[in-house]
Protein backbone atom coordinates (compact mmCIF):
# COMPACT_ATOMS: atom_id res chain seq x y z
CA UNK A 1 137.74 147.04 124.98
CA UNK A 2 140.83 144.61 124.86
CA UNK A 3 141.34 140.93 125.19
CA UNK A 4 142.47 141.61 128.93
CA UNK A 5 139.35 143.53 129.69
CA UNK A 6 137.23 140.63 128.70
CA UNK A 7 138.99 138.18 130.55
CA UNK A 8 138.81 140.11 133.55
CA UNK A 9 135.00 140.80 133.13
CA UNK A 10 132.91 138.25 134.61
CA UNK A 11 129.63 139.75 132.86
CA UNK A 12 131.05 140.10 129.17
CA UNK A 13 132.14 136.62 129.48
CA UNK A 14 128.75 135.34 130.81
CA UNK A 15 127.04 137.49 127.97
CA UNK A 16 129.40 135.94 125.19
CA UNK A 17 128.67 132.86 126.68
CA UNK A 18 124.71 133.50 126.37
CA UNK A 19 125.30 134.65 122.88
CA UNK A 20 127.25 131.77 121.72
CA UNK A 21 124.97 129.29 123.36
CA UNK A 22 121.80 130.73 121.98
CA UNK A 23 123.58 130.33 118.51
CA UNK A 24 124.56 127.15 119.32
CA UNK A 25 120.90 126.13 120.35
CA UNK A 26 119.31 127.77 117.50
CA UNK A 27 121.62 125.99 114.95
CA UNK A 28 120.49 122.66 116.80
CA UNK A 29 117.03 123.47 116.57
CA UNK A 30 117.43 124.65 112.79
CA UNK A 31 119.27 121.25 112.05
CA UNK A 32 116.47 119.15 113.43
CA UNK A 33 118.88 117.78 116.45
CA UNK A 34 116.28 118.95 119.15
CA UNK A 35 113.44 116.39 117.57
CA UNK A 36 113.03 113.19 119.49
CA UNK A 37 112.32 111.36 116.15
CA UNK A 38 115.80 112.33 115.18
CA UNK A 39 117.54 111.37 118.16
CA UNK A 40 115.95 108.08 117.93
CA UNK A 41 116.89 107.86 114.17
CA UNK A 42 120.43 108.44 115.10
CA UNK A 43 120.31 105.91 117.63
CA UNK A 44 118.64 103.12 115.68
CA UNK A 45 121.55 103.91 112.78
CA UNK A 46 119.12 105.35 110.03
CA UNK A 47 119.31 109.10 110.20
CA UNK A 48 122.81 110.43 110.47
CA UNK A 49 121.61 114.09 111.22
CA UNK A 50 123.27 114.41 114.51
CA UNK A 51 126.36 112.86 113.64
CA UNK A 52 126.66 115.63 110.81
CA UNK A 53 125.76 118.32 113.20
CA UNK A 54 128.10 117.18 115.99
CA UNK A 55 131.10 116.92 113.21
CA UNK A 56 130.16 120.24 111.80
CA UNK A 57 130.83 121.84 115.61
CA UNK A 58 133.75 119.66 116.28
CA UNK A 59 135.11 120.68 112.79
CA UNK A 60 134.39 124.38 113.19
CA UNK A 61 135.57 124.43 116.94
CA UNK A 62 138.45 122.48 116.41
CA UNK A 63 139.73 124.74 113.35
CA UNK A 64 138.64 127.98 115.25
CA UNK A 65 140.45 127.02 118.78
CA UNK A 66 143.61 126.41 116.92
CA UNK A 67 143.34 129.40 115.09
CA UNK A 68 142.27 131.69 118.23
CA UNK A 69 145.68 129.33 120.09
CA UNK A 70 148.22 130.32 117.24
CA UNK A 71 147.09 133.56 117.23
CA UNK A 72 147.71 133.93 121.23
CA UNK A 73 144.06 134.73 121.94
CA UNK A 74 143.33 131.54 123.83
CA UNK A 75 145.08 128.70 125.99
CA UNK A 76 143.95 125.49 126.12
CA UNK A 77 142.97 123.96 129.70
CA UNK A 78 142.67 120.29 129.80
CA UNK A 79 141.71 118.70 133.04
CA UNK A 80 143.69 115.26 133.69
CA UNK A 81 141.01 112.32 132.36
CA UNK A 82 140.47 109.32 134.19
CA UNK A 83 138.52 106.01 133.41
CA UNK A 84 136.47 106.19 136.17
CA UNK A 85 135.10 109.90 135.56
CA UNK A 86 134.63 108.71 131.82
CA UNK A 87 132.51 105.63 132.82
CA UNK A 88 130.41 107.05 135.21
CA UNK A 89 129.82 110.30 133.44
CA UNK A 90 129.00 108.24 129.97
CA UNK A 91 126.72 105.93 131.74
CA UNK A 92 124.69 108.85 133.26
CA UNK A 93 124.93 110.82 130.03
CA UNK A 94 123.58 107.58 128.24
CA UNK A 95 120.63 106.46 130.81
CA UNK A 96 119.20 110.41 130.43
CA UNK A 97 119.74 110.28 126.76
CA UNK A 98 118.01 106.91 126.37
CA UNK A 99 115.41 107.94 128.34
CA UNK A 100 114.49 111.07 127.23
CA UNK A 101 115.85 111.03 123.39
CA UNK A 102 117.70 114.17 124.30
CA UNK A 103 121.02 115.02 125.49
CA UNK A 104 121.77 118.37 127.76
CA UNK A 105 122.64 120.45 124.63
CA UNK A 106 119.27 119.35 122.75
CA UNK A 107 116.92 119.55 125.65
CA UNK A 108 117.94 123.15 125.98
CA UNK A 109 117.24 123.74 122.11
CA UNK A 110 113.90 121.69 122.70
CA UNK A 111 112.92 123.78 125.30
CA UNK A 112 113.76 127.08 123.19
CA UNK A 113 111.31 125.47 120.68
CA UNK A 114 108.68 125.20 122.97
CA UNK A 115 109.05 121.20 123.81
CA UNK A 116 106.85 120.10 126.92
CA UNK A 117 108.45 117.11 127.47
CA UNK A 118 112.02 118.63 127.54
CA UNK A 119 110.94 121.29 129.63
CA UNK A 120 109.20 118.65 132.24
CA UNK A 121 111.35 115.80 131.61
CA UNK A 122 114.76 117.12 130.46
CA UNK A 123 114.78 120.48 132.51
CA UNK A 124 113.61 119.62 135.86
CA UNK A 125 115.67 115.98 135.11
CA UNK A 126 118.82 118.55 134.67
CA UNK A 127 117.98 120.47 137.75
CA UNK A 128 117.59 117.44 139.87
CA UNK A 129 120.75 115.84 138.31
CA UNK A 130 122.88 119.30 139.10
CA UNK A 131 121.79 119.35 142.71
CA UNK A 132 122.53 115.32 143.14
CA UNK A 133 126.25 115.72 141.42
CA UNK A 134 126.84 119.02 143.95
CA UNK A 135 125.77 116.50 146.82
CA UNK A 136 127.45 113.55 145.66
CA UNK A 137 130.59 115.00 143.83
CA UNK A 138 133.07 115.51 146.91
CA UNK A 139 132.54 111.77 147.63
CA UNK A 140 132.91 110.54 144.32
CA UNK A 141 136.02 112.79 143.55
CA UNK A 142 137.89 111.00 146.23
CA UNK A 143 136.81 107.39 144.90
CA UNK A 144 135.85 106.40 141.57
CA UNK A 145 136.43 109.46 139.74
CA UNK A 146 140.16 109.35 140.43
CA UNK A 147 140.37 105.94 139.33
CA UNK A 148 142.24 104.86 136.37
CA UNK A 149 144.18 108.22 135.51
CA UNK A 150 144.85 108.25 131.96
CA UNK A 151 148.42 109.26 130.96
CA UNK A 152 147.72 112.19 128.03
CA UNK A 153 146.13 115.59 127.98
CA UNK A 154 145.63 116.48 124.33
CA UNK A 155 146.60 114.55 120.88
CA UNK A 156 149.36 116.48 119.89
CA UNK A 157 150.95 115.76 123.56
CA UNK A 158 150.40 112.46 123.12
CA UNK A 159 152.28 112.40 119.80
CA UNK A 160 155.48 113.93 121.10
CA UNK A 161 154.67 117.74 121.46
CA UNK A 162 154.09 117.93 117.67
CA UNK A 163 152.37 121.31 116.05
CA UNK A 164 148.47 120.65 116.79
CA UNK A 165 148.06 121.48 113.04
CA UNK A 166 149.75 118.17 112.28
CA UNK A 167 146.39 116.84 114.26
CA UNK A 168 143.91 119.68 113.36
CA UNK A 169 144.43 119.27 109.33
CA UNK A 170 144.23 115.72 109.06
CA UNK A 171 141.39 115.11 111.36
CA UNK A 172 139.45 117.70 109.45
CA UNK A 173 139.92 116.05 106.13
CA UNK A 174 138.81 112.86 108.12
CA UNK A 175 135.43 114.61 108.97
CA UNK A 176 135.20 116.03 105.25
CA UNK A 177 135.38 112.36 104.12
CA UNK A 178 133.20 111.14 106.65
CA UNK A 179 130.51 113.90 105.25
CA UNK A 180 131.17 112.78 101.53
CA UNK A 181 130.72 109.05 102.77
CA UNK A 182 127.23 109.49 104.47
CA UNK A 183 125.96 111.97 101.77
CA UNK A 184 127.05 109.13 99.37
CA UNK A 185 124.90 106.54 101.01
CA UNK A 186 121.97 108.80 101.23
CA UNK A 187 122.80 108.67 105.10
């Protein structure tokens, strides 16, 4: 199977998405990010497990994507950001996160490990939220979601079209430094 076969085959793409989503969910559960106490510990700034997990994901994703991009295997497709969409999305995400103590990714992982509150509160909440979003989006997309367009797409483009590795490498070093500081402080 060639790369073009993968790109043109929806079943293959969906299978890969399911595979990688399952692996990510397993790693979230294994790391403790699907436990309500860990999430609240992060929000109250005494347990930095979630920060470590997410920074690990950012580091692997950032380096992996850039490596695949350098080999010509993937392309970036960045949506035009707006202040309005970020504010509305952040408020909705924060409200759900604060009420349930889980975000959409960790809800799926918690459901996978058998959490009843995640299934009822999170699973049903995600379905209702998705339905309401689908109803409201056409109107919101003409209004607040278009408010305050932001002028950039990617950080390398913002920095004058520099080689992306000049952003990836320092960002990776910064992430490793944050890991070192958190571990040094016992967090």
